[in-house]
Amino acid sequence: MFVEGGLHPEQIKALRKMSLERRAEIALGFIRSMQRLKGAALRTQHPDWSEEKISEALREFISNGRT
């Protein structure tokens, strides 16, 4: 069940039971997934860009929080 504006109480309970290391692993996995998805989107939007340019745009996206 989705709770508007936040997590479901059962999700909060599950997160609190996890170790800090496990929560960090999940967060890092999310970041890696976001980077892959954003990289794929940039490659689609800019097929003429080099991998170096894609990497530069990803770094800028992450540091500036741009969409």
N, C-alpha and C. Protein backbone atom coordinates (compact mmCIF):
# COMPACT_ATOMS: atom_id res chain seq x y z
N MET A 1 0.84 -1.18 0.00
CA MET A 1 0.00 0.00 0.00
C MET A 1 0.88 1.24 0.00
N PHE A 2 0.59 2.17 -0.88
CA PHE A 2 1.34 3.41 -0.99
C PHE A 2 0.74 4.45 -0.06
N VAL A 3 1.59 5.13 0.65
CA VAL A 3 1.15 6.22 1.52
C VAL A 3 1.66 7.51 0.89
N GLU A 4 0.74 8.38 0.53
CA GLU A 4 1.12 9.64 -0.12
C GLU A 4 2.06 10.43 0.78
N GLY A 5 3.16 10.91 0.17
CA GLY A 5 4.10 11.74 0.90
C GLY A 5 5.14 10.99 1.71
N GLY A 6 5.17 9.69 1.64
CA GLY A 6 6.17 8.96 2.41
C GLY A 6 6.07 7.47 2.26
N LEU A 7 6.76 6.79 3.15
CA LEU A 7 6.81 5.34 3.12
C LEU A 7 5.66 4.75 3.93
N HIS A 8 5.29 3.56 3.57
CA HIS A 8 4.29 2.80 4.32
C HIS A 8 4.92 2.42 5.67
N PRO A 9 4.13 2.39 6.72
CA PRO A 9 4.69 2.03 8.03
C PRO A 9 5.44 0.70 8.05
N GLU A 10 5.01 -0.27 7.24
CA GLU A 10 5.72 -1.55 7.18
C GLU A 10 7.09 -1.38 6.53
N GLN A 11 7.19 -0.47 5.55
CA GLN A 11 8.49 -0.21 4.93
C GLN A 11 9.44 0.42 5.94
N ILE A 12 8.93 1.34 6.73
CA ILE A 12 9.75 1.99 7.76
C ILE A 12 10.23 0.95 8.76
N LYS A 13 9.35 0.06 9.16
CA LYS A 13 9.70 -1.00 10.12
C LYS A 13 10.81 -1.88 9.55
N ALA A 14 10.67 -2.25 8.27
CA ALA A 14 11.68 -3.10 7.63
C ALA A 14 13.03 -2.39 7.53
N LEU A 15 13.00 -1.11 7.19
CA LEU A 15 14.25 -0.35 7.09
C LEU A 15 14.94 -0.24 8.44
N ARG A 16 14.18 -0.06 9.49
CA ARG A 16 14.77 0.06 10.82
C ARG A 16 15.42 -1.24 11.29
N LYS A 17 14.95 -2.36 10.78
CA LYS A 17 15.53 -3.65 11.15
C LYS A 17 16.83 -3.93 10.41
N MET A 18 17.07 -3.23 9.30
CA MET A 18 18.27 -3.46 8.50
C MET A 18 19.49 -2.82 9.15
N SER A 19 20.62 -3.44 8.88
CA SER A 19 21.88 -2.85 9.36
C SER A 19 22.20 -1.61 8.53
N LEU A 20 23.05 -0.78 9.08
CA LEU A 20 23.49 0.41 8.35
C LEU A 20 24.18 0.01 7.05
N GLU A 21 24.95 -1.06 7.10
CA GLU A 21 25.65 -1.52 5.89
C GLU A 21 24.67 -1.92 4.80
N ARG A 22 23.60 -2.62 5.19
CA ARG A 22 22.60 -3.05 4.19
C ARG A 22 21.89 -1.85 3.59
N ARG A 23 21.54 -0.87 4.42
CA ARG A 23 20.89 0.34 3.90
C ARG A 23 21.81 1.09 2.95
N ALA A 24 23.11 1.11 3.27
CA ALA A 24 24.09 1.75 2.39
C ALA A 24 24.19 1.00 1.07
N GLU A 25 24.18 -0.33 1.10
CA GLU A 25 24.21 -1.13 -0.13
C GLU A 25 23.01 -0.81 -1.01
N ILE A 26 21.84 -0.71 -0.41
CA ILE A 26 20.62 -0.40 -1.17
C ILE A 26 20.73 0.99 -1.78
N ALA A 27 21.21 1.95 -1.01
CA ALA A 27 21.35 3.32 -1.52
C ALA A 27 22.33 3.37 -2.68
N LEU A 28 23.47 2.70 -2.53
CA LEU A 28 24.46 2.68 -3.61
C LEU A 28 23.93 1.99 -4.85
N GLY A 29 23.16 0.92 -4.66
CA GLY A 29 22.54 0.24 -5.80
C GLY A 29 21.59 1.16 -6.54
N PHE A 30 20.82 1.95 -5.78
CA PHE A 30 19.92 2.92 -6.39
C PHE A 30 20.70 3.95 -7.19
N ILE A 31 21.79 4.45 -6.63
CA ILE A 31 22.61 5.45 -7.33
C ILE A 31 23.17 4.87 -8.62
N ARG A 32 23.67 3.65 -8.57
CA ARG A 32 24.21 3.01 -9.78
C ARG A 32 23.13 2.82 -10.85
N SER A 33 21.95 2.42 -10.41
CA SER A 33 20.83 2.26 -11.36
C SER A 33 20.47 3.59 -12.00
N MET A 34 20.43 4.63 -11.19
CA MET A 34 20.12 5.96 -11.71
C MET A 34 21.16 6.39 -12.73
N GLN A 35 22.43 6.13 -12.44
CA GLN A 35 23.48 6.51 -13.38
C GLN A 35 23.35 5.77 -14.70
N ARG A 36 23.03 4.47 -14.64
CA ARG A 36 22.85 3.69 -15.88
C ARG A 36 21.67 4.22 -16.68
N LEU A 37 20.56 4.49 -16.00
CA LEU A 37 19.37 4.99 -16.69
C LEU A 37 19.61 6.38 -17.29
N LYS A 38 20.23 7.25 -16.53
CA LYS A 38 20.50 8.60 -17.04
C LYS A 38 21.50 8.54 -18.20
N GLY A 39 22.49 7.67 -18.08
CA GLY A 39 23.45 7.50 -19.17
C GLY A 39 22.77 7.02 -20.44
N ALA A 40 21.86 6.07 -20.31
CA ALA A 40 21.12 5.57 -21.46
C ALA A 40 20.25 6.67 -22.07
N ALA A 41 19.63 7.47 -21.21
CA ALA A 41 18.80 8.58 -21.71
C ALA A 41 19.65 9.60 -22.46
N LEU A 42 20.82 9.92 -21.93
CA LEU A 42 21.71 10.87 -22.60
C LEU A 42 22.19 10.32 -23.94
N ARG A 43 22.50 9.02 -23.99
CA ARG A 43 22.94 8.43 -25.26
C ARG A 43 21.82 8.49 -26.31
N THR A 44 20.59 8.31 -25.87
CA THR A 44 19.46 8.38 -26.79
C THR A 44 19.22 9.81 -27.26
N GLN A 45 19.30 10.74 -26.33
CA GLN A 45 19.05 12.15 -26.67
C GLN A 45 20.19 12.76 -27.49
N HIS A 46 21.41 12.26 -27.28
CA HIS A 46 22.59 12.83 -27.94
C HIS A 46 23.45 11.72 -28.54
N PRO A 47 22.98 11.09 -29.61
CA PRO A 47 23.73 9.95 -30.18
C PRO A 47 25.11 10.35 -30.72
N ASP A 48 25.34 11.64 -30.93
CA ASP A 48 26.62 12.09 -31.45
C ASP A 48 27.65 12.33 -30.35
N TRP A 49 27.27 12.27 -29.08
CA TRP A 49 28.19 12.52 -27.98
C TRP A 49 29.11 11.33 -27.75
N SER A 50 30.35 11.63 -27.40
CA SER A 50 31.31 10.58 -27.05
C SER A 50 31.01 10.08 -25.63
N GLU A 51 31.62 8.94 -25.28
CA GLU A 51 31.45 8.41 -23.92
C GLU A 51 32.02 9.38 -22.89
N GLU A 52 33.07 10.09 -23.27
CA GLU A 52 33.65 11.09 -22.36
C GLU A 52 32.64 12.21 -22.09
N LYS A 53 31.97 12.67 -23.13
CA LYS A 53 30.95 13.71 -22.98
C LYS A 53 29.77 13.20 -22.14
N ILE A 54 29.38 11.96 -22.34
CA ILE A 54 28.30 11.36 -21.54
C ILE A 54 28.71 11.33 -20.08
N SER A 55 29.93 10.89 -19.79
CA SER A 55 30.42 10.83 -18.41
C SER A 55 30.46 12.21 -17.78
N GLU A 56 30.88 13.19 -18.55
CA GLU A 56 30.92 14.58 -18.06
C GLU A 56 29.51 15.08 -17.73
N ALA A 57 28.56 14.79 -18.60
CA ALA A 57 27.18 15.21 -18.37
C ALA A 57 26.59 14.49 -17.15
N LEU A 58 26.93 13.23 -16.95
CA LEU A 58 26.48 12.49 -15.77
C LEU A 58 27.04 13.11 -14.49
N ARG A 59 28.33 13.44 -14.50
CA ARG A 59 28.92 14.09 -13.32
C ARG A 59 28.22 15.41 -13.02
N GLU A 60 27.95 16.17 -14.05
CA GLU A 60 27.26 17.46 -13.86
C GLU A 60 25.84 17.24 -13.33
N PHE A 61 25.15 16.26 -13.88
CA PHE A 61 23.80 15.94 -13.43
C PHE A 61 23.79 15.60 -11.94
N ILE A 62 24.73 14.76 -11.53
CA ILE A 62 24.79 14.32 -10.14
C ILE A 62 25.17 15.48 -9.22
N SER A 63 26.16 16.26 -9.61
CA SER A 63 26.61 17.34 -8.72
C SER A 63 25.63 18.50 -8.65
N ASN A 64 24.87 18.72 -9.72
CA ASN A 64 23.93 19.84 -9.72
C ASN A 64 22.49 19.43 -9.47
N GLY A 65 22.23 18.15 -9.44
CA GLY A 65 20.86 17.69 -9.23
C GLY A 65 19.94 18.03 -10.38
N ARG A 66 20.48 18.13 -11.58
CA ARG A 66 19.67 18.47 -12.75
C ARG A 66 18.96 17.25 -13.27
N THR A 67 17.83 17.51 -13.95
CA THR A 67 17.07 16.42 -14.56
C THR A 67 17.22 16.45 -16.05
